[in-house]
């Protein structure tokens, strides 16, 4: 059945791939985004697509964007720890301060389902072989802390008529219409192809990853899932859990680049998330591997789709926020 969906942050890394898939499923989609990293030409025009250039902190824009909406994907945020840390007050205002208003207004205006993009970074450092959703949260940064607090806020609004679900994605990788090259798989691939060496920060820390195609599929399955199965639930969504050094080896295998540049890191996050719960609940299982993401990225580079990939700030959230917003 066709839905009328609002995607906040719909012009972001994941949103830019999710929106066309929702349109292909026959839904009407409204994108609310600042379009900091791109412009409206990111999407092909469609009678079922509405683009709103605006800020989620603007209450009037939130209210007007929610008219006739049936379902919400809330993806908008200052994404990742380093970007957040550049201006913690800016990050808090976007990632946390306005969140409860968005949720409460969505419920008031008759939205039936609210899907929130949290983060698997809320777990912090875990020695447990498989990190499951019932483990305690130990966020190491403000970014992670506010992601966790928003999950709690969202669940306060759960009701029979308002289905809420939080998703804790692994680190997303692979090509997108709004490309990011500041996440681990994409970083290593970019440097291998365009710098002739694979730059590794640390190496032993484990990283959960998920191909962007699989991330979109997880969201679509949550959109279509029986409300009683997912209402009030929190789900990890991951694919492969690999040490950074293993990712580097896969990059070397795909690209043929053998030079490894190993650098120290103060990023001590290391965890291995379980995606068993989301599989048992709605049957979601990642179909693409980290190697697939590297191959897909290499294809984008080979086809000259990612120009100035070592220097253009639009690929790097920290650079962009520092250069354009601060």
C-alpha atoms as a PDB file:
ATOM      1  CA  UNK A   1       0.000   0.000   0.000  1.00  0.00           C
ATOM      2  CA  UNK A   2       1.333   3.411  -0.954  1.00  0.00           C
ATOM      3  CA  UNK A   3       2.498   5.553   1.949  1.00  0.00           C
ATOM      4  CA  UNK A   4       3.285   9.249   2.282  1.00  0.00           C
ATOM      5  CA  UNK A   5       6.746   9.307   3.823  1.00  0.00           C
ATOM      6  CA  UNK A   6       8.846  12.103   5.316  1.00  0.00           C
ATOM      7  CA  UNK A   7      12.603  11.524   5.284  1.00  0.00           C
ATOM      8  CA  UNK A   8      14.506  14.061   7.358  1.00  0.00           C
ATOM      9  CA  UNK A   9      18.096  14.170   6.171  1.00  0.00           C
ATOM     10  CA  UNK A  10      16.915  12.621   2.922  1.00  0.00           C
ATOM     11  CA  UNK A  11      19.778  14.221   0.990  1.00  0.00           C
ATOM     12  CA  UNK A  12      22.381  12.646   3.270  1.00  0.00           C
ATOM     13  CA  UNK A  13      24.633   9.652   2.613  1.00  0.00           C
ATOM     14  CA  UNK A  14      21.988   6.993   3.312  1.00  0.00           C
ATOM     15  CA  UNK A  15      18.926   9.125   2.613  1.00  0.00           C
ATOM     16  CA  UNK A  16      20.051   9.883  -0.935  1.00  0.00           C
ATOM     17  CA  UNK A  17      19.908   6.151  -1.693  1.00  0.00           C
ATOM     18  CA  UNK A  18      16.841   5.366   0.407  1.00  0.00           C
ATOM     19  CA  UNK A  19      14.590   8.011  -1.175  1.00  0.00           C
ATOM     20  CA  UNK A  20      14.773   6.654  -4.768  1.00  0.00           C
ATOM     21  CA  UNK A  21      14.092   3.156  -3.455  1.00  0.00           C
ATOM     22  CA  UNK A  22      10.997   4.357  -1.598  1.00  0.00           C
ATOM     23  CA  UNK A  23       9.791   6.049  -4.788  1.00  0.00           C
ATOM     24  CA  UNK A  24      10.396   2.847  -6.725  1.00  0.00           C
ATOM     25  CA  UNK A  25       8.248   1.038  -4.168  1.00  0.00           C
ATOM     26  CA  UNK A  26       5.382   3.335  -5.166  1.00  0.00           C
ATOM     27  CA  UNK A  27       5.410   5.668  -2.160  1.00  0.00           C
ATOM     28  CA  UNK A  28       5.157   9.439  -2.054  1.00  0.00           C
ATOM     29  CA  UNK A  29       8.230  10.943  -0.411  1.00  0.00           C
ATOM     30  CA  UNK A  30       8.933  14.316   1.161  1.00  0.00           C
ATOM     31  CA  UNK A  31      12.598  15.131   1.797  1.00  0.00           C
ATOM     32  CA  UNK A  32      13.384  17.684   4.494  1.00  0.00           C
ATOM     33  CA  UNK A  33      17.047  18.634   4.355  1.00  0.00           C
ATOM     34  CA  UNK A  34      19.320  21.646   4.558  1.00  0.00           C
ATOM     35  CA  UNK A  35      21.084  20.436   1.379  1.00  0.00           C
ATOM     36  CA  UNK A  36      24.387  21.511   2.895  1.00  0.00           C
ATOM     37  CA  UNK A  37      26.379  18.942   0.929  1.00  0.00           C
ATOM     38  CA  UNK A  38      24.455  19.055  -2.338  1.00  0.00           C
ATOM     39  CA  UNK A  39      21.435  20.672  -3.954  1.00  0.00           C
ATOM     40  CA  UNK A  40      18.029  19.588  -5.144  1.00  0.00           C
ATOM     41  CA  UNK A  41      19.512  18.239  -8.401  1.00  0.00           C
ATOM     42  CA  UNK A  42      20.645  15.248  -6.341  1.00  0.00           C
ATOM     43  CA  UNK A  43      17.267  13.669  -7.172  1.00  0.00           C
ATOM     44  CA  UNK A  44      15.435  13.142 -10.432  1.00  0.00           C
ATOM     45  CA  UNK A  45      12.195  15.085 -10.409  1.00  0.00           C
ATOM     46  CA  UNK A  46       9.078  13.043  -9.767  1.00  0.00           C
ATOM     47  CA  UNK A  47       5.441  13.874  -9.149  1.00  0.00           C
ATOM     48  CA  UNK A  48       5.726  11.709  -6.028  1.00  0.00           C
ATOM     49  CA  UNK A  49       8.760  13.567  -4.649  1.00  0.00           C
ATOM     50  CA  UNK A  50       8.604  16.810  -2.685  1.00  0.00           C
ATOM     51  CA  UNK A  51      11.814  18.570  -1.635  1.00  0.00           C
ATOM     52  CA  UNK A  52      11.832  20.991   1.291  1.00  0.00           C
ATOM     53  CA  UNK A  53      15.011  22.950   1.965  1.00  0.00           C
ATOM     54  CA  UNK A  54      14.886  23.627   5.665  1.00  0.00           C
ATOM     55  CA  UNK A  55      16.251  23.001   9.142  1.00  0.00           C
ATOM     56  CA  UNK A  56      14.773  20.409  11.505  1.00  0.00           C
ATOM     57  CA  UNK A  57      15.202  22.929  14.345  1.00  0.00           C
ATOM     58  CA  UNK A  58      12.557  25.151  12.732  1.00  0.00           C
ATOM     59  CA  UNK A  59       9.246  24.171  14.350  1.00  0.00           C
ATOM     60  CA  UNK A  60       7.124  25.751  11.631  1.00  0.00           C
ATOM     61  CA  UNK A  61       8.944  23.789   8.931  1.00  0.00           C
ATOM     62  CA  UNK A  62       8.544  20.566  10.922  1.00  0.00           C
ATOM     63  CA  UNK A  63       4.807  21.109  11.280  1.00  0.00           C
ATOM     64  CA  UNK A  64       4.276  21.997   7.627  1.00  0.00           C
ATOM     65  CA  UNK A  65       6.444  19.075   6.487  1.00  0.00           C
ATOM     66  CA  UNK A  66       4.310  16.606   8.467  1.00  0.00           C
ATOM     67  CA  UNK A  67       0.997  17.477   6.783  1.00  0.00           C
ATOM     68  CA  UNK A  68      -0.594  14.248   5.445  1.00  0.00           C
ATOM     69  CA  UNK A  69       2.511  12.198   6.311  1.00  0.00           C
ATOM     70  CA  UNK A  70       1.927   8.556   7.304  1.00  0.00           C
ATOM     71  CA  UNK A  71       5.495   7.488   8.140  1.00  0.00           C
ATOM     72  CA  UNK A  72       8.743   9.203   9.150  1.00  0.00           C
ATOM     73  CA  UNK A  73      12.372   8.208   8.712  1.00  0.00           C
ATOM     74  CA  UNK A  74      14.401  10.507  10.950  1.00  0.00           C
ATOM     75  CA  UNK A  75      17.925  10.406   9.526  1.00  0.00           C
ATOM     76  CA  UNK A  76      18.899  14.083   9.921  1.00  0.00           C
ATOM     77  CA  UNK A  77      21.801  14.784  12.278  1.00  0.00           C
ATOM     78  CA  UNK A  78      25.343  16.034  12.560  1.00  0.00           C
ATOM     79  CA  UNK A  79      26.858  12.700  11.686  1.00  0.00           C
ATOM     80  CA  UNK A  80      29.862  11.121  13.409  1.00  0.00           C
ATOM     81  CA  UNK A  81      31.885  12.031  16.481  1.00  0.00           C
ATOM     82  CA  UNK A  82      34.523  14.325  14.918  1.00  0.00           C
ATOM     83  CA  UNK A  83      31.908  16.491  13.174  1.00  0.00           C
ATOM     84  CA  UNK A  84      29.861  16.747  16.354  1.00  0.00           C
ATOM     85  CA  UNK A  85      32.919  17.682  18.419  1.00  0.00           C
ATOM     86  CA  UNK A  86      33.750  20.672  16.196  1.00  0.00           C
ATOM     87  CA  UNK A  87      30.792  22.522  17.708  1.00  0.00           C
ATOM     88  CA  UNK A  88      29.107  20.521  20.480  1.00  0.00           C
ATOM     89  CA  UNK A  89      26.340  23.096  20.926  1.00  0.00           C
ATOM     90  CA  UNK A  90      25.475  23.001  17.230  1.00  0.00           C
ATOM     91  CA  UNK A  91      25.525  19.210  17.343  1.00  0.00           C
ATOM     92  CA  UNK A  92      23.316  19.061  20.417  1.00  0.00           C
ATOM     93  CA  UNK A  93      20.824  21.525  18.945  1.00  0.00           C
ATOM     94  CA  UNK A  94      20.397  19.379  15.820  1.00  0.00           C
ATOM     95  CA  UNK A  95      20.803  15.847  17.190  1.00  0.00           C
ATOM     96  CA  UNK A  96      18.962  16.212  20.500  1.00  0.00           C
ATOM     97  CA  UNK A  97      17.303  19.495  21.456  1.00  0.00           C
ATOM     98  CA  UNK A  98      14.737  19.484  18.645  1.00  0.00           C
ATOM     99  CA  UNK A  99      14.111  15.741  18.645  1.00  0.00           C
ATOM    100  CA  UNK A 100      11.244  15.535  21.109  1.00  0.00           C
ATOM    101  CA  UNK A 101       9.302  18.236  19.289  1.00  0.00           C
ATOM    102  CA  UNK A 102       9.655  16.339  15.996  1.00  0.00           C
ATOM    103  CA  UNK A 103       8.413  13.111  17.606  1.00  0.00           C
ATOM    104  CA  UNK A 104       5.548  14.712  19.516  1.00  0.00           C
ATOM    105  CA  UNK A 105       4.430  16.710  16.491  1.00  0.00           C
ATOM    106  CA  UNK A 106       4.541  13.613  14.291  1.00  0.00           C
ATOM    107  CA  UNK A 107       2.291  11.791  16.739  1.00  0.00           C
ATOM    108  CA  UNK A 108      -0.052  14.754  17.108  1.00  0.00           C
ATOM    109  CA  UNK A 109      -0.443  15.033  13.341  1.00  0.00           C
ATOM    110  CA  UNK A 110      -1.366  11.408  12.861  1.00  0.00           C
ATOM    111  CA  UNK A 111       1.866   9.796  11.694  1.00  0.00           C
ATOM    112  CA  UNK A 112       1.561   6.046  12.210  1.00  0.00           C
ATOM    113  CA  UNK A 113       5.225   4.989  12.194  1.00  0.00           C
ATOM    114  CA  UNK A 114       8.446   6.749  13.242  1.00  0.00           C
ATOM    115  CA  UNK A 115      11.771   5.079  12.405  1.00  0.00           C
ATOM    116  CA  UNK A 116      14.813   6.662  14.054  1.00  0.00           C
ATOM    117  CA  UNK A 117      18.426   6.268  12.915  1.00  0.00           C
ATOM    118  CA  UNK A 118      20.447   5.866  16.093  1.00  0.00           C
ATOM    119  CA  UNK A 119      23.975   4.433  16.037  1.00  0.00           C
ATOM    120  CA  UNK A 120      25.820   1.302  17.101  1.00  0.00           C
ATOM    121  CA  UNK A 121      28.416   3.633  18.642  1.00  0.00           C
ATOM    122  CA  UNK A 122      26.113   3.902  21.687  1.00  0.00           C
ATOM    123  CA  UNK A 123      27.709   0.674  22.952  1.00  0.00           C
ATOM    124  CA  UNK A 124      31.175   2.146  23.383  1.00  0.00           C
ATOM    125  CA  UNK A 125      33.953  -0.400  23.904  1.00  0.00           C
ATOM    126  CA  UNK A 126      32.701  -3.938  24.505  1.00  0.00           C
ATOM    127  CA  UNK A 127      34.669  -7.099  25.171  1.00  0.00           C
ATOM    128  CA  UNK A 128      31.574  -9.230  24.560  1.00  0.00           C
ATOM    129  CA  UNK A 129      32.010 -11.320  21.381  1.00  0.00           C
ATOM    130  CA  UNK A 130      28.539 -10.336  20.127  1.00  0.00           C
ATOM    131  CA  UNK A 131      26.992  -7.040  21.189  1.00  0.00           C
ATOM    132  CA  UNK A 132      23.228  -7.432  21.471  1.00  0.00           C
ATOM    133  CA  UNK A 133      20.561  -4.799  21.983  1.00  0.00           C
ATOM    134  CA  UNK A 134      19.958  -5.704  25.640  1.00  0.00           C
ATOM    135  CA  UNK A 135      23.503  -4.841  26.762  1.00  0.00           C
ATOM    136  CA  UNK A 136      24.194  -1.667  28.724  1.00  0.00           C
ATOM    137  CA  UNK A 137      25.058   1.442  26.769  1.00  0.00           C
ATOM    138  CA  UNK A 138      28.414   3.094  27.412  1.00  0.00           C
ATOM    139  CA  UNK A 139      28.607   6.011  24.976  1.00  0.00           C
ATOM    140  CA  UNK A 140      32.084   7.497  24.887  1.00  0.00           C
ATOM    141  CA  UNK A 141      31.177  10.764  23.168  1.00  0.00           C
ATOM    142  CA  UNK A 142      28.451  13.393  23.190  1.00  0.00           C
ATOM    143  CA  UNK A 143      27.394  12.242  19.717  1.00  0.00           C
ATOM    144  CA  UNK A 144      26.746   8.732  21.027  1.00  0.00           C
ATOM    145  CA  UNK A 145      25.199   9.955  24.268  1.00  0.00           C
ATOM    146  CA  UNK A 146      22.561  12.031  22.504  1.00  0.00           C
ATOM    147  CA  UNK A 147      21.794   9.204  20.090  1.00  0.00           C
ATOM    148  CA  UNK A 148      21.041   7.003  23.095  1.00  0.00           C
ATOM    149  CA  UNK A 149      18.961   9.669  24.846  1.00  0.00           C
ATOM    150  CA  UNK A 150      16.823  10.120  21.730  1.00  0.00           C
ATOM    151  CA  UNK A 151      15.970   6.420  21.774  1.00  0.00           C
ATOM    152  CA  UNK A 152      14.552   6.889  25.287  1.00  0.00           C
ATOM    153  CA  UNK A 153      12.567   9.954  24.243  1.00  0.00           C
ATOM    154  CA  UNK A 154      11.103   8.147  21.244  1.00  0.00           C
ATOM    155  CA  UNK A 155       9.877   5.201  23.270  1.00  0.00           C
ATOM    156  CA  UNK A 156       7.926   7.538  25.586  1.00  0.00           C
ATOM    157  CA  UNK A 157       5.586   8.260  22.681  1.00  0.00           C
ATOM    158  CA  UNK A 158       4.904   4.649  21.728  1.00  0.00           C
ATOM    159  CA  UNK A 159       1.206   3.797  21.457  1.00  0.00           C
ATOM    160  CA  UNK A 160      -1.093   1.449  19.554  1.00  0.00           C
ATOM    161  CA  UNK A 161      -1.519   4.147  16.912  1.00  0.00           C
ATOM    162  CA  UNK A 162       2.089   5.375  16.865  1.00  0.00           C
ATOM    163  CA  UNK A 163       4.680   2.725  16.107  1.00  0.00           C
ATOM    164  CA  UNK A 164       8.223   3.713  17.072  1.00  0.00           C
ATOM    165  CA  UNK A 165      11.456   1.891  16.354  1.00  0.00           C
ATOM    166  CA  UNK A 166      15.137   2.777  16.763  1.00  0.00           C
ATOM    167  CA  UNK A 167      17.827   1.369  14.502  1.00  0.00           C
ATOM    168  CA  UNK A 168      21.475   1.107  15.522  1.00  0.00           C
ATOM    169  CA  UNK A 169      23.286   0.803  12.196  1.00  0.00           C
ATOM    170  CA  UNK A 170      26.784  -0.476  11.765  1.00  0.00           C
ATOM    171  CA  UNK A 171      29.121   1.851   9.861  1.00  0.00           C
ATOM    172  CA  UNK A 172      27.623   2.234   6.418  1.00  0.00           C
ATOM    173  CA  UNK A 173      29.895   1.759   3.413  1.00  0.00           C
ATOM    174  CA  UNK A 174      29.716   1.830  -0.362  1.00  0.00           C
ATOM    175  CA  UNK A 175      28.721   4.343  -3.047  1.00  0.00           C
ATOM    176  CA  UNK A 176      25.946   6.916  -2.744  1.00  0.00           C
ATOM    177  CA  UNK A 177      24.552   9.839  -4.712  1.00  0.00           C
ATOM    178  CA  UNK A 178      25.735  11.906  -1.725  1.00  0.00           C
ATOM    179  CA  UNK A 179      29.064  10.235  -1.221  1.00  0.00           C
ATOM    180  CA  UNK A 180      30.938  10.191   2.043  1.00  0.00           C
ATOM    181  CA  UNK A 181      34.602   9.246   2.084  1.00  0.00           C
ATOM    182  CA  UNK A 182      35.172   9.671   5.818  1.00  0.00           C
ATOM    183  CA  UNK A 183      34.001   6.233   7.006  1.00  0.00           C
ATOM    184  CA  UNK A 184      36.467   3.404   7.351  1.00  0.00           C
ATOM    185  CA  UNK A 185      35.835   1.232   4.274  1.00  0.00           C
ATOM    186  CA  UNK A 186      35.426   4.260   2.039  1.00  0.00           C
ATOM    187  CA  UNK A 187      38.516   5.986   3.488  1.00  0.00           C
ATOM    188  CA  UNK A 188      40.762   3.006   2.844  1.00  0.00           C
ATOM    189  CA  UNK A 189      39.442   2.493  -0.685  1.00  0.00           C
ATOM    190  CA  UNK A 190      39.785   6.176  -1.594  1.00  0.00           C
ATOM    191  CA  UNK A 191      43.383   6.341  -0.408  1.00  0.00           C
ATOM    192  CA  UNK A 192      44.321   3.107  -2.128  1.00  0.00           C
ATOM    193  CA  UNK A 193      42.974   4.199  -5.517  1.00  0.00           C
ATOM    194  CA  UNK A 194      43.876   7.886  -5.400  1.00  0.00           C
ATOM    195  CA  UNK A 195      46.895   8.053  -3.115  1.00  0.00           C
ATOM    196  CA  UNK A 196      48.597   4.786  -4.016  1.00  0.00           C
ATOM    197  CA  UNK A 197      48.637   3.556  -0.430  1.00  0.00           C
ATOM    198  CA  UNK A 198      46.225   2.269   2.170  1.00  0.00           C
ATOM    199  CA  UNK A 199      46.152   4.503   5.227  1.00  0.00           C
ATOM    200  CA  UNK A 200      45.262   2.563   8.394  1.00  0.00           C
ATOM    201  CA  UNK A 201      44.472   4.178  11.738  1.00  0.00           C
ATOM    202  CA  UNK A 202      45.229   1.521  14.343  1.00  0.00           C
ATOM    203  CA  UNK A 203      44.214  -1.776  12.820  1.00  0.00           C
ATOM    204  CA  UNK A 204      43.198  -4.162  15.557  1.00  0.00           C
ATOM    205  CA  UNK A 205      39.911  -2.474  16.505  1.00  0.00           C
ATOM    206  CA  UNK A 206      36.841  -4.301  15.234  1.00  0.00           C
ATOM    207  CA  UNK A 207      34.338  -2.398  13.141  1.00  0.00           C
ATOM    208  CA  UNK A 208      30.805  -3.472  12.263  1.00  0.00           C
ATOM    209  CA  UNK A 209      29.960  -2.518   8.685  1.00  0.00           C
ATOM    210  CA  UNK A 210      26.898  -2.617   6.467  1.00  0.00           C
ATOM    211  CA  UNK A 211      26.667  -1.997   2.729  1.00  0.00           C
ATOM    212  CA  UNK A 212      24.484   1.008   1.934  1.00  0.00           C
ATOM    213  CA  UNK A 213      22.184  -1.173  -0.193  1.00  0.00           C
ATOM    214  CA  UNK A 214      21.551  -3.419   2.808  1.00  0.00           C
ATOM    215  CA  UNK A 215      20.995  -0.423   5.086  1.00  0.00           C
ATOM    216  CA  UNK A 216      18.262   0.830   2.790  1.00  0.00           C
ATOM    217  CA  UNK A 217      16.723  -2.632   2.649  1.00  0.00           C
ATOM    218  CA  UNK A 218      16.621  -2.813   6.450  1.00  0.00           C
ATOM    219  CA  UNK A 219      14.727   0.489   6.563  1.00  0.00           C
ATOM    220  CA  UNK A 220      12.275  -0.673   3.901  1.00  0.00           C
ATOM    221  CA  UNK A 221      11.593  -3.908   5.761  1.00  0.00           C
ATOM    222  CA  UNK A 222      10.961  -1.950   8.963  1.00  0.00           C
ATOM    223  CA  UNK A 223       8.564   0.291   7.048  1.00  0.00           C
ATOM    224  CA  UNK A 224       6.609  -2.753   5.886  1.00  0.00           C
ATOM    225  CA  UNK A 225       6.836  -4.846   9.064  1.00  0.00           C
ATOM    226  CA  UNK A 226       3.844  -5.684  11.233  1.00  0.00           C
ATOM    227  CA  UNK A 227       3.543  -2.899  13.805  1.00  0.00           C
ATOM    228  CA  UNK A 228       3.078  -5.256  16.746  1.00  0.00           C
ATOM    229  CA  UNK A 229       6.441  -6.899  16.011  1.00  0.00           C
ATOM    230  CA  UNK A 230       8.557  -3.745  15.967  1.00  0.00           C
ATOM    231  CA  UNK A 231       6.717  -1.169  18.111  1.00  0.00           C
ATOM    232  CA  UNK A 232       9.014   0.130  20.844  1.00  0.00           C
ATOM    233  CA  UNK A 233      11.892  -2.086  19.726  1.00  0.00           C
ATOM    234  CA  UNK A 234      15.554  -1.296  19.122  1.00  0.00           C
ATOM    235  CA  UNK A 235      17.429  -3.168  16.417  1.00  0.00           C
ATOM    236  CA  UNK A 236      21.071  -3.462  15.463  1.00  0.00           C
ATOM    237  CA  UNK A 237      21.555  -3.517  11.694  1.00  0.00           C
ATOM    238  CA  UNK A 238      24.885  -4.814  10.513  1.00  0.00           C
ATOM    239  CA  UNK A 239      26.588  -6.941   7.936  1.00  0.00           C
ATOM    240  CA  UNK A 240      30.195  -7.968   8.523  1.00  0.00           C
ATOM    241  CA  UNK A 241      32.215  -7.306  11.678  1.00  0.00           C
ATOM    242  CA  UNK A 242      35.872  -6.990  10.684  1.00  0.00           C
ATOM    243  CA  UNK A 243      39.095  -5.624  12.185  1.00  0.00           C
ATOM    244  CA  UNK A 244      40.318  -2.538  10.368  1.00  0.00           C
ATOM    245  CA  UNK A 245      43.412  -4.453   9.223  1.00  0.00           C
ATOM    246  CA  UNK A 246      41.242  -7.095   7.552  1.00  0.00           C
ATOM    247  CA  UNK A 247      39.324  -4.350   5.737  1.00  0.00           C
ATOM    248  CA  UNK A 248      42.663  -2.962   4.547  1.00  0.00           C
ATOM    249  CA  UNK A 249      43.627  -6.398   3.235  1.00  0.00           C
ATOM    250  CA  UNK A 250      40.371  -6.612   1.277  1.00  0.00           C
ATOM    251  CA  UNK A 251      41.019  -3.157  -0.179  1.00  0.00           C
ATOM    252  CA  UNK A 252      44.488  -4.300  -1.209  1.00  0.00           C
ATOM    253  CA  UNK A 253      43.018  -7.407  -2.838  1.00  0.00           C
ATOM    254  CA  UNK A 254      40.451  -5.436  -4.862  1.00  0.00           C
ATOM    255  CA  UNK A 255      42.662  -2.504  -5.852  1.00  0.00           C
ATOM    256  CA  UNK A 256      46.041  -4.200  -6.160  1.00  0.00           C
ATOM    257  CA  UNK A 257      47.632  -1.559  -3.927  1.00  0.00           C
ATOM    258  CA  UNK A 258      50.147  -3.149  -1.557  1.00  0.00           C
ATOM    259  CA  UNK A 259      51.554  -0.151   0.358  1.00  0.00           C
ATOM    260  CA  UNK A 260      50.167   0.053   3.899  1.00  0.00           C
ATOM    261  CA  UNK A 261      50.553   3.273   5.890  1.00  0.00           C
ATOM    262  CA  UNK A 262      49.803   2.386   9.516  1.00  0.00           C
ATOM    263  CA  UNK A 263      49.153   5.353  11.798  1.00  0.00           C
ATOM    264  CA  UNK A 264      48.284   5.615  15.500  1.00  0.00           C
ATOM    265  CA  UNK A 265      44.730   6.405  16.539  1.00  0.00           C
ATOM    266  CA  UNK A 266      42.979   7.617  19.668  1.00  0.00           C
ATOM    267  CA  UNK A 267      39.716   6.071  18.471  1.00  0.00           C
ATOM    268  CA  UNK A 268      39.513   3.064  20.767  1.00  0.00           C
ATOM    269  CA  UNK A 269      35.964   1.989  19.860  1.00  0.00           C
ATOM    270  CA  UNK A 270      35.935  -1.730  19.161  1.00  0.00           C
ATOM    271  CA  UNK A 271      32.821  -3.842  19.023  1.00  0.00           C
ATOM    272  CA  UNK A 272      31.160  -6.691  17.163  1.00  0.00           C
ATOM    273  CA  UNK A 273      27.420  -6.212  16.860  1.00  0.00           C
ATOM    274  CA  UNK A 274      24.867  -8.980  16.532  1.00  0.00           C
ATOM    275  CA  UNK A 275      22.071  -8.548  13.983  1.00  0.00           C
ATOM    276  CA  UNK A 276      20.245 -11.675  15.079  1.00  0.00           C
ATOM    277  CA  UNK A 277      17.319  -9.795  16.624  1.00  0.00           C
ATOM    278  CA  UNK A 278      16.341  -7.937  13.444  1.00  0.00           C
ATOM    279  CA  UNK A 279      16.614 -11.180  11.465  1.00  0.00           C
ATOM    280  CA  UNK A 280      14.372 -13.045  13.896  1.00  0.00           C
ATOM    281  CA  UNK A 281      11.857 -10.190  14.000  1.00  0.00           C
ATOM    282  CA  UNK A 282      11.481  -9.206  10.349  1.00  0.00           C
ATOM    283  CA  UNK A 283      13.802 -11.486   8.389  1.00  0.00           C
ATOM    284  CA  UNK A 284      16.406  -8.867   7.548  1.00  0.00           C
ATOM    285  CA  UNK A 285      19.845 -10.237   6.713  1.00  0.00           C
ATOM    286  CA  UNK A 286      22.582  -8.316   4.918  1.00  0.00           C
ATOM    287  CA  UNK A 287      23.230  -9.632   1.423  1.00  0.00           C
ATOM    288  CA  UNK A 288      26.326  -7.646   0.469  1.00  0.00           C
ATOM    289  CA  UNK A 289      29.831  -7.892   1.916  1.00  0.00           C
ATOM    290  CA  UNK A 290      32.482  -5.323   2.719  1.00  0.00           C
ATOM    291  CA  UNK A 291      34.340  -6.579  -0.342  1.00  0.00           C
ATOM    292  CA  UNK A 292      31.243  -5.810  -2.427  1.00  0.00           C
ATOM    293  CA  UNK A 293      31.313  -2.235  -1.099  1.00  0.00           C
ATOM    294  CA  UNK A 294      34.983  -1.882  -2.087  1.00  0.00           C
ATOM    295  CA  UNK A 295      34.275  -3.249  -5.575  1.00  0.00           C
ATOM    296  CA  UNK A 296      31.311  -0.875  -5.950  1.00  0.00           C
ATOM    297  CA  UNK A 297      33.383   2.107  -4.815  1.00  0.00           C
ATOM    298  CA  UNK A 298      36.189   1.166  -7.204  1.00  0.00           C
ATOM    299  CA  UNK A 299      33.637   1.158 -10.012  1.00  0.00           C
ATOM    300  CA  UNK A 300      32.556   4.696  -9.062  1.00  0.00           C
ATOM    301  CA  UNK A 301      36.173   5.840  -9.149  1.00  0.00           C
ATOM    302  CA  UNK A 302      36.862   4.012 -12.426  1.00  0.00           C
ATOM    303  CA  UNK A 303      33.876   5.776 -13.981  1.00  0.00           C
ATOM    304  CA  UNK A 304      35.091   9.177 -12.760  1.00  0.00           C
ATOM    305  CA  UNK A 305      32.011   9.709 -10.606  1.00  0.00           C
ATOM    306  CA  UNK A 306      33.975  10.890  -7.553  1.00  0.00           C
ATOM    307  CA  UNK A 307      36.120  13.818  -8.605  1.00  0.00           C
ATOM    308  CA  UNK A 308      38.695  15.496  -6.334  1.00  0.00           C
ATOM    309  CA  UNK A 309      38.040  12.749  -3.817  1.00  0.00           C
ATOM    310  CA  UNK A 310      41.049  13.540  -1.652  1.00  0.00           C
ATOM    311  CA  UNK A 311      40.357  17.253  -1.321  1.00  0.00           C
ATOM    312  CA  UNK A 312      36.721  18.214  -1.956  1.00  0.00           C
ATOM    313  CA  UNK A 313      35.161  19.002   1.460  1.00  0.00           C
ATOM    314  CA  UNK A 314      31.753  17.692   0.388  1.00  0.00           C
ATOM    315  CA  UNK A 315      33.014  14.129   0.875  1.00  0.00           C
ATOM    316  CA  UNK A 316      34.259  14.773   4.407  1.00  0.00           C
ATOM    317  CA  UNK A 317      31.828  15.891   7.087  1.00  0.00           C
ATOM    318  CA  UNK A 318      34.491  17.353   9.374  1.00  0.00           C
ATOM    319  CA  UNK A 319      36.096  19.387   6.596  1.00  0.00           C
ATOM    320  CA  UNK A 320      32.737  20.612   5.388  1.00  0.00           C
ATOM    321  CA  UNK A 321      31.426  21.612   8.808  1.00  0.00           C
ATOM    322  CA  UNK A 322      34.700  23.396   9.589  1.00  0.00           C
ATOM    323  CA  UNK A 323      34.898  25.200   6.247  1.00  0.00           C
ATOM    324  CA  UNK A 324      31.248  26.014   5.682  1.00  0.00           C
ATOM    325  CA  UNK A 325      29.353  26.119   8.960  1.00  0.00           C
ATOM    326  CA  UNK A 326      31.780  27.395  11.585  1.00  0.00           C
END
